[in-house]
Amino acid sequence: MKPFLREKKTFSAAEIPEATAFEAGYLVSVNSGWRSIRPVIDTGRCIGCEQCYLYCPDGVIAIQNGKAVIDYDFCKGCGICAKICKLGAIGTEAEHK
């Protein structure tokens, strides 16, 4: 049996999406308060490398003025951004209830 080979596709840079998700609110609802930890960005250490932006599964991180910014209304507190940040610019803290 021959393996199935997919057809090679080429595309231009204009066809690559600019963001990781649609505008918040269309696909998700506001965090209902179950998050136990939240990421916190040390803007002094952040260099705007966009790794946190690229790896965030919910698309709640944006880069503004060369620094990462988190939309806490939709952040689920998974901590992936803190783990991926090589400079340690993102840490986590307990969610205040």
N, C-alpha and C. Protein backbone atom coordinates (compact mmCIF):
# COMPACT_ATOMS: atom_id res chain seq x y z
N MET A 1 0.85 -1.17 0.00
CA MET A 1 0.00 0.00 0.00
C MET A 1 0.89 1.24 0.00
N LYS A 2 0.57 2.18 -0.86
CA LYS A 2 1.32 3.42 -0.96
C LYS A 2 0.82 4.41 0.09
N PRO A 3 1.73 5.18 0.69
CA PRO A 3 1.27 6.21 1.63
C PRO A 3 0.58 7.35 0.88
N PHE A 4 -0.38 7.94 1.56
CA PHE A 4 -1.08 9.08 0.98
C PHE A 4 -0.20 10.31 1.10
N LEU A 5 0.08 10.96 0.00
CA LEU A 5 0.89 12.17 -0.01
C LEU A 5 -0.02 13.35 -0.36
N ARG A 6 0.01 14.33 0.49
CA ARG A 6 -0.79 15.52 0.22
C ARG A 6 -0.15 16.36 -0.86
N GLU A 7 -0.97 17.05 -1.56
CA GLU A 7 -0.50 17.96 -2.59
C GLU A 7 0.21 19.15 -1.94
N LYS A 8 1.39 19.49 -2.42
CA LYS A 8 2.13 20.61 -1.87
C LYS A 8 1.46 21.91 -2.29
N LYS A 9 1.19 22.75 -1.29
CA LYS A 9 0.52 24.01 -1.57
C LYS A 9 1.46 25.15 -1.24
N THR A 10 1.41 26.17 -2.03
CA THR A 10 2.19 27.38 -1.76
C THR A 10 1.21 28.52 -1.56
N PHE A 11 1.59 29.45 -0.73
CA PHE A 11 0.75 30.61 -0.48
C PHE A 11 1.62 31.80 -0.19
N SER A 12 1.02 32.97 -0.33
CA SER A 12 1.77 34.20 -0.12
C SER A 12 1.65 34.66 1.33
N ALA A 13 2.50 35.59 1.71
CA ALA A 13 2.47 36.14 3.06
C ALA A 13 1.15 36.85 3.35
N ALA A 14 0.50 37.38 2.34
CA ALA A 14 -0.77 38.09 2.52
C ALA A 14 -1.89 37.13 2.95
N GLU A 15 -1.73 35.84 2.68
CA GLU A 15 -2.75 34.86 3.03
C GLU A 15 -2.60 34.32 4.46
N ILE A 16 -1.52 34.67 5.15
CA ILE A 16 -1.31 34.22 6.52
C ILE A 16 -2.10 35.12 7.45
N PRO A 17 -2.87 34.55 8.39
CA PRO A 17 -3.65 35.38 9.31
C PRO A 17 -2.75 36.29 10.15
N GLU A 18 -3.25 37.47 10.46
CA GLU A 18 -2.49 38.44 11.25
C GLU A 18 -2.59 38.17 12.75
N ALA A 19 -3.60 37.47 13.20
CA ALA A 19 -3.81 37.24 14.62
C ALA A 19 -4.03 35.76 14.89
N THR A 20 -3.93 35.38 16.17
CA THR A 20 -4.09 33.98 16.53
C THR A 20 -5.54 33.56 16.62
N ALA A 21 -6.48 34.49 16.74
CA ALA A 21 -7.89 34.16 16.85
C ALA A 21 -8.72 35.35 16.36
N PHE A 22 -10.02 35.11 16.23
CA PHE A 22 -10.90 36.20 15.88
C PHE A 22 -10.98 37.16 17.06
N GLU A 23 -11.58 38.30 16.85
CA GLU A 23 -11.72 39.28 17.92
C GLU A 23 -12.42 38.63 19.11
N ALA A 24 -11.89 38.82 20.28
CA ALA A 24 -12.46 38.22 21.48
C ALA A 24 -13.93 38.61 21.60
N GLY A 25 -14.73 37.66 21.99
CA GLY A 25 -16.15 37.90 22.12
C GLY A 25 -16.96 37.16 21.08
N TYR A 26 -16.36 36.92 19.93
CA TYR A 26 -17.07 36.18 18.88
C TYR A 26 -17.05 34.68 19.14
N LEU A 27 -15.94 34.16 19.61
CA LEU A 27 -15.80 32.72 19.78
C LEU A 27 -15.76 32.27 21.23
N VAL A 28 -15.55 33.17 22.15
CA VAL A 28 -15.42 32.80 23.56
C VAL A 28 -16.27 33.73 24.41
N SER A 29 -16.46 33.34 25.64
CA SER A 29 -17.17 34.22 26.56
C SER A 29 -16.19 34.69 27.63
N VAL A 30 -16.55 35.73 28.34
CA VAL A 30 -15.70 36.29 29.37
C VAL A 30 -15.42 35.23 30.43
N ASN A 31 -14.19 35.20 30.92
CA ASN A 31 -13.79 34.26 31.96
C ASN A 31 -14.77 34.36 33.12
N SER A 32 -15.27 33.21 33.55
CA SER A 32 -16.30 33.22 34.59
C SER A 32 -15.76 33.21 36.01
N GLY A 33 -14.45 33.43 36.18
CA GLY A 33 -13.90 33.53 37.52
C GLY A 33 -13.30 32.26 38.06
N TRP A 34 -13.17 31.23 37.25
CA TRP A 34 -12.60 29.96 37.73
C TRP A 34 -11.08 29.90 37.63
N ARG A 35 -10.46 30.89 37.02
CA ARG A 35 -9.00 30.91 36.87
C ARG A 35 -8.35 31.01 38.24
N SER A 36 -7.35 30.15 38.53
CA SER A 36 -6.69 30.19 39.84
C SER A 36 -5.36 30.94 39.81
N ILE A 37 -4.72 30.99 38.64
CA ILE A 37 -3.50 31.78 38.49
C ILE A 37 -3.66 32.69 37.29
N ARG A 38 -2.90 33.77 37.29
CA ARG A 38 -2.94 34.67 36.14
C ARG A 38 -1.52 35.08 35.78
N PRO A 39 -1.24 35.23 34.49
CA PRO A 39 0.08 35.68 34.08
C PRO A 39 0.25 37.17 34.31
N VAL A 40 1.47 37.55 34.68
CA VAL A 40 1.79 38.96 34.90
C VAL A 40 3.05 39.28 34.11
N ILE A 41 3.02 40.35 33.34
CA ILE A 41 4.14 40.71 32.48
C ILE A 41 5.00 41.77 33.14
N ASP A 42 6.30 41.51 33.19
CA ASP A 42 7.29 42.50 33.66
C ASP A 42 7.71 43.27 32.40
N THR A 43 7.14 44.44 32.19
CA THR A 43 7.39 45.19 30.96
C THR A 43 8.85 45.64 30.83
N GLY A 44 9.55 45.69 31.94
CA GLY A 44 10.97 46.04 31.88
C GLY A 44 11.82 44.95 31.24
N ARG A 45 11.38 43.72 31.36
CA ARG A 45 12.13 42.59 30.79
C ARG A 45 11.61 42.18 29.41
N CYS A 46 10.37 42.53 29.09
CA CYS A 46 9.76 42.13 27.82
C CYS A 46 10.42 42.86 26.66
N ILE A 47 10.84 42.10 25.64
CA ILE A 47 11.46 42.70 24.46
C ILE A 47 10.54 42.64 23.23
N GLY A 48 9.31 42.14 23.43
CA GLY A 48 8.36 42.07 22.33
C GLY A 48 8.70 41.02 21.30
N CYS A 49 9.25 39.88 21.72
CA CYS A 49 9.66 38.83 20.77
C CYS A 49 8.46 38.10 20.17
N GLU A 50 7.28 38.27 20.74
CA GLU A 50 6.01 37.72 20.25
C GLU A 50 5.86 36.22 20.44
N GLN A 51 6.72 35.56 21.19
CA GLN A 51 6.57 34.13 21.41
C GLN A 51 5.31 33.84 22.22
N CYS A 52 5.05 34.63 23.25
CA CYS A 52 3.84 34.43 24.05
C CYS A 52 2.59 34.62 23.18
N TYR A 53 2.64 35.61 22.32
CA TYR A 53 1.53 35.90 21.39
C TYR A 53 1.28 34.70 20.48
N LEU A 54 2.35 34.11 19.98
CA LEU A 54 2.21 32.99 19.05
C LEU A 54 1.74 31.71 19.73
N TYR A 55 2.13 31.48 20.97
CA TYR A 55 1.80 30.24 21.66
C TYR A 55 0.52 30.29 22.47
N CYS A 56 -0.04 31.45 22.72
CA CYS A 56 -1.26 31.55 23.53
C CYS A 56 -2.41 30.83 22.83
N PRO A 57 -2.97 29.77 23.46
CA PRO A 57 -4.04 29.01 22.80
C PRO A 57 -5.35 29.78 22.68
N ASP A 58 -5.53 30.81 23.48
CA ASP A 58 -6.77 31.57 23.42
C ASP A 58 -6.64 32.88 22.66
N GLY A 59 -5.43 33.23 22.25
CA GLY A 59 -5.23 34.46 21.48
C GLY A 59 -5.52 35.71 22.27
N VAL A 60 -5.19 35.72 23.57
CA VAL A 60 -5.51 36.87 24.42
C VAL A 60 -4.32 37.80 24.62
N ILE A 61 -3.18 37.49 24.00
CA ILE A 61 -2.00 38.33 24.14
C ILE A 61 -1.81 39.15 22.87
N ALA A 62 -1.56 40.43 23.05
CA ALA A 62 -1.31 41.33 21.93
C ALA A 62 0.03 42.02 22.19
N ILE A 63 0.63 42.53 21.13
CA ILE A 63 1.86 43.30 21.26
C ILE A 63 1.50 44.76 20.99
N GLN A 64 1.68 45.60 21.99
CA GLN A 64 1.40 47.03 21.86
C GLN A 64 2.62 47.80 22.29
N ASN A 65 3.06 48.71 21.44
CA ASN A 65 4.27 49.51 21.70
C ASN A 65 5.48 48.65 22.01
N GLY A 66 5.57 47.50 21.34
CA GLY A 66 6.72 46.61 21.51
C GLY A 66 6.72 45.77 22.77
N LYS A 67 5.61 45.73 23.48
CA LYS A 67 5.49 44.95 24.72
C LYS A 67 4.24 44.09 24.68
N ALA A 68 4.27 42.95 25.37
CA ALA A 68 3.12 42.07 25.43
C ALA A 68 2.07 42.64 26.38
N VAL A 69 0.80 42.47 26.02
CA VAL A 69 -0.33 42.91 26.83
C VAL A 69 -1.33 41.77 26.86
N ILE A 70 -1.90 41.47 28.03
CA ILE A 70 -2.84 40.35 28.18
C ILE A 70 -4.24 40.88 28.41
N ASP A 71 -5.21 40.30 27.71
CA ASP A 71 -6.62 40.61 27.93
C ASP A 71 -7.14 39.65 29.00
N TYR A 72 -7.19 40.09 30.25
CA TYR A 72 -7.55 39.21 31.35
C TYR A 72 -9.02 38.79 31.33
N ASP A 73 -9.86 39.48 30.58
CA ASP A 73 -11.26 39.07 30.48
C ASP A 73 -11.39 37.69 29.85
N PHE A 74 -10.44 37.31 29.00
CA PHE A 74 -10.56 36.06 28.28
C PHE A 74 -9.43 35.07 28.58
N CYS A 75 -8.45 35.46 29.38
CA CYS A 75 -7.33 34.59 29.74
C CYS A 75 -7.83 33.49 30.67
N LYS A 76 -7.46 32.25 30.37
CA LYS A 76 -7.88 31.12 31.20
C LYS A 76 -6.83 30.71 32.22
N GLY A 77 -5.65 31.35 32.20
CA GLY A 77 -4.63 31.07 33.19
C GLY A 77 -3.89 29.76 32.99
N CYS A 78 -3.68 29.36 31.75
CA CYS A 78 -3.02 28.07 31.49
C CYS A 78 -1.52 28.13 31.79
N GLY A 79 -0.90 29.33 31.71
CA GLY A 79 0.51 29.48 32.02
C GLY A 79 1.46 29.16 30.89
N ILE A 80 0.96 28.88 29.71
CA ILE A 80 1.83 28.57 28.57
C ILE A 80 2.72 29.76 28.24
N CYS A 81 2.20 30.96 28.33
CA CYS A 81 2.99 32.15 28.02
C CYS A 81 4.17 32.28 28.99
N ALA A 82 3.96 31.97 30.26
CA ALA A 82 5.04 32.05 31.24
C ALA A 82 6.10 30.99 30.98
N LYS A 83 5.67 29.81 30.55
CA LYS A 83 6.62 28.73 30.27
C LYS A 83 7.45 28.99 29.01
N ILE A 84 6.84 29.64 28.01
CA ILE A 84 7.52 29.85 26.73
C ILE A 84 8.45 31.07 26.77
N CYS A 85 8.26 31.99 27.71
CA CYS A 85 9.06 33.21 27.76
C CYS A 85 10.48 32.89 28.25
N LYS A 86 11.44 32.97 27.36
CA LYS A 86 12.83 32.64 27.68
C LYS A 86 13.48 33.67 28.59
N LEU A 87 12.99 34.91 28.58
CA LEU A 87 13.58 35.97 29.39
C LEU A 87 12.99 36.05 30.79
N GLY A 88 11.94 35.27 31.04
CA GLY A 88 11.29 35.32 32.34
C GLY A 88 10.51 36.60 32.55
N ALA A 89 10.07 37.22 31.46
CA ALA A 89 9.31 38.46 31.57
C ALA A 89 7.86 38.20 31.97
N ILE A 90 7.43 36.97 31.90
CA ILE A 90 6.05 36.63 32.29
C ILE A 90 6.11 35.65 33.46
N GLY A 91 5.50 36.04 34.53
CA GLY A 91 5.40 35.19 35.70
C GLY A 91 3.93 34.93 35.99
N THR A 92 3.65 34.16 37.03
CA THR A 92 2.27 33.92 37.41
C THR A 92 2.06 34.30 38.86
N GLU A 93 0.84 34.69 39.18
CA GLU A 93 0.48 35.00 40.56
C GLU A 93 -0.89 34.43 40.83
N ALA A 94 -1.20 34.22 42.09
CA ALA A 94 -2.51 33.70 42.47
C ALA A 94 -3.59 34.70 42.09
N GLU A 95 -4.68 34.18 41.61
CA GLU A 95 -5.83 35.03 41.25
C GLU A 95 -6.48 35.50 42.54
N HIS A 96 -6.76 36.79 42.63
CA HIS A 96 -7.42 37.37 43.81
C HIS A 96 -8.92 37.28 43.63
N LYS A 97 -9.57 36.72 44.58
CA LYS A 97 -11.02 36.55 44.48
C LYS A 97 -11.75 37.63 45.24
